Amino acid sequence: MKVIIIMGSKADKDWSEKIAAGLHQLNIPVVMRIASAHKVPLKVLEIIQEYEAEEVVFITVAGRSNALSGFVDAQTIRPVIACPPYSDKFGGGDIFSSLRMPSGVAPLVILEPEAAALAAAKILALKNETLAEAIKIYQEKKKSALDKDDRQLLQEQKKSIS
């Protein structure tokens, strides 16, 4: 069980490391690779074939014209999550290349690195009860933090009124 993060270029490394950090919190092994569907499609195919026999989820990270996510999804039976880095350059318009896929191609699109990591973990947890429990604990921590913030806010408001 592991997650394979395929980046379109080295420029996607910082974004990919944010995804990897979320996966590491849940003790999920991560392999990061670089290969462009536009420039070196055969290398992308080799990477897919290298890991496809294992229990993996692929996460693709490519901005601009994101052919990587659709290409990977069309070449594997394993789940593919597209997590394109946000770019202000085109007012966010480059996200459409991740959303509009041809028929028979269905990568999930998740825009936030932490959420992409969580989605991959939930997919892997379908067959791993230990991971499922780790996800429950992660979710409880998130809920507890939100509840704590709410209590703090109420206390601050009470102080300002008195």
C-alpha atoms as a PDB file:
ATOM      1  CA  MET A   1       0.000   0.000   0.000  1.00  0.00           C
ATOM      2  CA  LYS A   2       1.416   3.352  -1.064  1.00  0.00           C
ATOM      3  CA  VAL A   3       0.719   6.544  -2.943  1.00  0.00           C
ATOM      4  CA  ILE A   4       2.606   7.413  -6.086  1.00  0.00           C
ATOM      5  CA  ILE A   5       2.776  11.143  -6.753  1.00  0.00           C
ATOM      6  CA  ILE A   6       3.622  11.928 -10.355  1.00  0.00           C
ATOM      7  CA  MET A   7       4.618  15.528 -11.028  1.00  0.00           C
ATOM      8  CA  GLY A   8       4.642  17.133 -14.458  1.00  0.00           C
ATOM      9  CA  SER A   9       7.882  18.952 -13.626  1.00  0.00           C
ATOM     10  CA  LYS A  10      10.204  19.824 -10.759  1.00  0.00           C
ATOM     11  CA  ALA A  11       8.239  23.080 -10.371  1.00  0.00           C
ATOM     12  CA  ASP A  12       5.447  20.950  -8.832  1.00  0.00           C
ATOM     13  CA  LYS A  13       7.684  19.617  -6.031  1.00  0.00           C
ATOM     14  CA  ASP A  14       6.605  22.041  -3.283  1.00  0.00           C
ATOM     15  CA  TRP A  15       2.915  21.292  -3.931  1.00  0.00           C
ATOM     16  CA  SER A  16       3.640  17.561  -3.996  1.00  0.00           C
ATOM     17  CA  GLU A  17       5.536  17.751  -0.713  1.00  0.00           C
ATOM     18  CA  LYS A  18       2.407  19.206   0.915  1.00  0.00           C
ATOM     19  CA  ILE A  19       0.466  16.152  -0.259  1.00  0.00           C
ATOM     20  CA  ALA A  20       3.228  13.845   0.958  1.00  0.00           C
ATOM     21  CA  ALA A  21       3.195  15.525   4.382  1.00  0.00           C
ATOM     22  CA  GLY A  22      -0.502  14.700   4.764  1.00  0.00           C
ATOM     23  CA  LEU A  23       0.135  11.094   3.787  1.00  0.00           C
ATOM     24  CA  HIS A  24       3.084  10.798   6.174  1.00  0.00           C
ATOM     25  CA  GLN A  25       0.804  11.911   9.047  1.00  0.00           C
ATOM     26  CA  LEU A  26      -1.162   8.726   8.396  1.00  0.00           C
ATOM     27  CA  ASN A  27       1.972   6.588   7.928  1.00  0.00           C
ATOM     28  CA  ILE A  28       1.317   6.011   4.242  1.00  0.00           C
ATOM     29  CA  PRO A  29       4.441   5.443   2.153  1.00  0.00           C
ATOM     30  CA  VAL A  30       4.907   7.896  -0.707  1.00  0.00           C
ATOM     31  CA  VAL A  31       6.975   7.742  -3.876  1.00  0.00           C
ATOM     32  CA  MET A  32       7.403  10.970  -5.847  1.00  0.00           C
ATOM     33  CA  ARG A  33       8.321  10.888  -9.538  1.00  0.00           C
ATOM     34  CA  ILE A  34       8.619  13.453 -12.347  1.00  0.00           C
ATOM     35  CA  ALA A  35       7.376  12.811 -15.876  1.00  0.00           C
ATOM     36  CA  SER A  36       5.398  14.938 -18.309  1.00  0.00           C
ATOM     37  CA  ALA A  37       2.555  13.479 -20.357  1.00  0.00           C
ATOM     38  CA  HIS A  38       3.285  16.106 -23.014  1.00  0.00           C
ATOM     39  CA  LYS A  39       7.064  15.751 -23.174  1.00  0.00           C
ATOM     40  CA  VAL A  40       7.832  12.155 -22.116  1.00  0.00           C
ATOM     41  CA  PRO A  41       4.602  10.120 -22.274  1.00  0.00           C
ATOM     42  CA  LEU A  42       6.463   6.817 -22.505  1.00  0.00           C
ATOM     43  CA  LYS A  43       8.222   7.577 -19.217  1.00  0.00           C
ATOM     44  CA  VAL A  44       4.837   8.251 -17.594  1.00  0.00           C
ATOM     45  CA  LEU A  45       3.644   4.903 -18.921  1.00  0.00           C
ATOM     46  CA  GLU A  46       6.753   3.167 -17.522  1.00  0.00           C
ATOM     47  CA  ILE A  47       6.098   4.680 -14.083  1.00  0.00           C
ATOM     48  CA  ILE A  48       2.473   3.534 -14.138  1.00  0.00           C
ATOM     49  CA  GLN A  49       3.502   0.019 -15.152  1.00  0.00           C
ATOM     50  CA  GLU A  50       6.190  -0.070 -12.458  1.00  0.00           C
ATOM     51  CA  TYR A  51       3.645   0.394  -9.655  1.00  0.00           C
ATOM     52  CA  GLU A  52       0.292  -0.733 -11.035  1.00  0.00           C
ATOM     53  CA  ALA A  53       0.571  -4.334  -9.814  1.00  0.00           C
ATOM     54  CA  GLU A  54       0.737  -3.022  -6.234  1.00  0.00           C
ATOM     55  CA  GLU A  55      -2.023  -1.610  -4.061  1.00  0.00           C
ATOM     56  CA  VAL A  56      -1.529   2.048  -4.973  1.00  0.00           C
ATOM     57  CA  VAL A  57      -3.308   5.307  -5.542  1.00  0.00           C
ATOM     58  CA  PHE A  58      -1.777   7.684  -8.056  1.00  0.00           C
ATOM     59  CA  ILE A  59      -1.855  11.415  -7.367  1.00  0.00           C
ATOM     60  CA  THR A  60      -0.967  13.620 -10.305  1.00  0.00           C
ATOM     61  CA  VAL A  61       0.317  17.149  -9.912  1.00  0.00           C
ATOM     62  CA  ALA A  62       0.473  19.227 -13.064  1.00  0.00           C
ATOM     63  CA  GLY A  63      -0.473  22.784 -13.770  1.00  0.00           C
ATOM     64  CA  ARG A  64      -1.120  24.691 -16.987  1.00  0.00           C
ATOM     65  CA  SER A  65      -2.388  22.148 -19.491  1.00  0.00           C
ATOM     66  CA  ASN A  66      -2.885  19.077 -17.346  1.00  0.00           C
ATOM     67  CA  ALA A  67      -2.661  16.115 -19.707  1.00  0.00           C
ATOM     68  CA  LEU A  68      -0.913  14.106 -16.991  1.00  0.00           C
ATOM     69  CA  SER A  69      -4.005  13.282 -14.931  1.00  0.00           C
ATOM     70  CA  GLY A  70      -6.095  12.062 -17.844  1.00  0.00           C
ATOM     71  CA  PHE A  71      -3.197  10.154 -19.363  1.00  0.00           C
ATOM     72  CA  VAL A  72      -2.418   8.346 -16.108  1.00  0.00           C
ATOM     73  CA  ASP A  73      -6.084   7.548 -15.495  1.00  0.00           C
ATOM     74  CA  ALA A  74      -6.542   6.142 -18.997  1.00  0.00           C
ATOM     75  CA  GLN A  75      -3.556   3.806 -18.519  1.00  0.00           C
ATOM     76  CA  THR A  76      -4.369   2.273 -15.124  1.00  0.00           C
ATOM     77  CA  ILE A  77      -7.147   0.534 -13.255  1.00  0.00           C
ATOM     78  CA  ARG A  78      -5.906   2.099 -10.012  1.00  0.00           C
ATOM     79  CA  PRO A  79      -7.494   5.272  -8.596  1.00  0.00           C
ATOM     80  CA  VAL A  80      -6.074   8.569  -9.832  1.00  0.00           C
ATOM     81  CA  ILE A  81      -6.445  11.858  -8.001  1.00  0.00           C
ATOM     82  CA  ALA A  82      -5.544  15.070  -9.824  1.00  0.00           C
ATOM     83  CA  CYS A  83      -4.323  17.790  -7.475  1.00  0.00           C
ATOM     84  CA  PRO A  84      -3.244  20.636  -9.756  1.00  0.00           C
ATOM     85  CA  PRO A  85      -1.359  23.522  -8.186  1.00  0.00           C
ATOM     86  CA  TYR A  86      -3.276  26.773  -8.253  1.00  0.00           C
ATOM     87  CA  SER A  87      -1.935  29.477 -10.539  1.00  0.00           C
ATOM     88  CA  ASP A  88      -2.925  33.140 -10.573  1.00  0.00           C
ATOM     89  CA  LYS A  89      -1.422  33.496 -14.045  1.00  0.00           C
ATOM     90  CA  PHE A  90      -4.622  32.622 -15.846  1.00  0.00           C
ATOM     91  CA  GLY A  91      -7.014  33.629 -13.095  1.00  0.00           C
ATOM     92  CA  GLY A  92      -7.338  29.983 -12.143  1.00  0.00           C
ATOM     93  CA  GLY A  93      -8.557  29.122 -15.650  1.00  0.00           C
ATOM     94  CA  ASP A  94      -5.961  26.413 -16.122  1.00  0.00           C
ATOM     95  CA  ILE A  95      -7.972  24.283 -13.666  1.00  0.00           C
ATOM     96  CA  PHE A  96     -10.367  23.461 -16.499  1.00  0.00           C
ATOM     97  CA  SER A  97      -7.756  21.177 -18.072  1.00  0.00           C
ATOM     98  CA  SER A  98      -8.099  19.019 -14.948  1.00  0.00           C
ATOM     99  CA  LEU A  99     -11.889  19.117 -14.895  1.00  0.00           C
ATOM    100  CA  ARG A 100     -12.775  18.490 -18.538  1.00  0.00           C
ATOM    101  CA  MET A 101     -11.894  14.899 -19.399  1.00  0.00           C
ATOM    102  CA  PRO A 102     -12.890  12.758 -22.365  1.00  0.00           C
ATOM    103  CA  SER A 103     -15.308   9.869 -21.930  1.00  0.00           C
ATOM    104  CA  GLY A 104     -13.844   6.833 -20.204  1.00  0.00           C
ATOM    105  CA  VAL A 105     -11.313   8.907 -18.276  1.00  0.00           C
ATOM    106  CA  ALA A 106     -12.170   9.772 -14.681  1.00  0.00           C
ATOM    107  CA  PRO A 107      -9.451  11.136 -12.409  1.00  0.00           C
ATOM    108  CA  LEU A 108     -10.864  12.666  -9.243  1.00  0.00           C
ATOM    109  CA  VAL A 109      -9.985  16.359  -8.954  1.00  0.00           C
ATOM    110  CA  ILE A 110      -9.137  17.669  -5.514  1.00  0.00           C
ATOM    111  CA  LEU A 111      -7.672  21.143  -5.268  1.00  0.00           C
ATOM    112  CA  GLU A 112      -6.109  21.143  -1.803  1.00  0.00           C
ATOM    113  CA  PRO A 113      -3.036  19.016  -1.015  1.00  0.00           C
ATOM    114  CA  GLU A 114      -4.244  17.952   2.442  1.00  0.00           C
ATOM    115  CA  ALA A 115      -7.596  16.892   1.004  1.00  0.00           C
ATOM    116  CA  ALA A 116      -5.912  14.930  -1.815  1.00  0.00           C
ATOM    117  CA  ALA A 117      -3.863  13.066   0.784  1.00  0.00           C
ATOM    118  CA  LEU A 118      -6.982  12.330   2.824  1.00  0.00           C
ATOM    119  CA  ALA A 119      -8.886  11.073  -0.221  1.00  0.00           C
ATOM    120  CA  ALA A 120      -6.039   8.735  -1.142  1.00  0.00           C
ATOM    121  CA  ALA A 121      -5.910   7.489   2.445  1.00  0.00           C
ATOM    122  CA  LYS A 122      -9.643   6.785   2.474  1.00  0.00           C
ATOM    123  CA  ILE A 123      -9.342   4.779  -0.740  1.00  0.00           C
ATOM    124  CA  LEU A 124      -6.500   2.715   0.712  1.00  0.00           C
ATOM    125  CA  ALA A 125      -8.420   2.314   3.991  1.00  0.00           C
ATOM    126  CA  LEU A 126     -11.102   0.295   2.211  1.00  0.00           C
ATOM    127  CA  LYS A 127      -8.803  -2.714   2.664  1.00  0.00           C
ATOM    128  CA  ASN A 128      -6.830  -1.601   5.717  1.00  0.00           C
ATOM    129  CA  GLU A 129      -8.565  -1.356   9.086  1.00  0.00           C
ATOM    130  CA  THR A 130      -5.480   0.123  10.800  1.00  0.00           C
ATOM    131  CA  LEU A 131      -5.475   2.984   8.324  1.00  0.00           C
ATOM    132  CA  ALA A 132      -9.233   3.411   8.736  1.00  0.00           C
ATOM    133  CA  GLU A 133      -8.691   3.852  12.479  1.00  0.00           C
ATOM    134  CA  ALA A 134      -5.895   6.372  11.852  1.00  0.00           C
ATOM    135  CA  ILE A 135      -8.270   8.372   9.648  1.00  0.00           C
ATOM    136  CA  LYS A 136     -10.908   8.357  12.399  1.00  0.00           C
ATOM    137  CA  ILE A 137      -8.339   9.719  14.855  1.00  0.00           C
ATOM    138  CA  TYR A 138      -7.258  12.368  12.316  1.00  0.00           C
ATOM    139  CA  GLN A 139     -10.875  13.451  11.848  1.00  0.00           C
ATOM    140  CA  GLU A 140     -11.486  13.582  15.593  1.00  0.00           C
ATOM    141  CA  LYS A 141      -8.438  15.832  16.030  1.00  0.00           C
ATOM    142  CA  LYS A 142      -9.809  18.177  13.362  1.00  0.00           C
ATOM    143  CA  LYS A 143     -13.211  18.243  15.075  1.00  0.00           C
ATOM    144  CA  SER A 144     -11.640  18.844  18.484  1.00  0.00           C
ATOM    145  CA  ALA A 145      -9.572  21.740  17.150  1.00  0.00           C
ATOM    146  CA  LEU A 146     -12.676  23.334  15.656  1.00  0.00           C
ATOM    147  CA  ASP A 147     -14.601  22.894  18.892  1.00  0.00           C
ATOM    148  CA  LYS A 148     -11.719  24.438  20.868  1.00  0.00           C
ATOM    149  CA  ASP A 149     -11.633  27.429  18.489  1.00  0.00           C
ATOM    150  CA  ASP A 150     -15.389  27.891  18.923  1.00  0.00           C
ATOM    151  CA  ARG A 151     -15.119  27.867  22.722  1.00  0.00           C
ATOM    152  CA  GLN A 152     -12.266  30.391  22.585  1.00  0.00           C
ATOM    153  CA  LEU A 153     -14.264  32.683  20.328  1.00  0.00           C
ATOM    154  CA  LEU A 154     -17.240  32.576  22.681  1.00  0.00           C
ATOM    155  CA  GLN A 155     -15.013  33.453  25.633  1.00  0.00           C
ATOM    156  CA  GLU A 156     -13.478  36.384  23.723  1.00  0.00           C
ATOM    157  CA  GLN A 157     -16.927  37.684  22.854  1.00  0.00           C
ATOM    158  CA  LYS A 158     -18.106  37.410  26.463  1.00  0.00           C
ATOM    159  CA  LYS A 159     -15.053  39.404  27.634  1.00  0.00           C
ATOM    160  CA  SER A 160     -15.632  42.156  25.091  1.00  0.00           C
ATOM    161  CA  ILE A 161     -19.280  42.527  26.134  1.00  0.00           C
ATOM    162  CA  SER A 162     -18.532  42.830  29.844  1.00  0.00           C
END
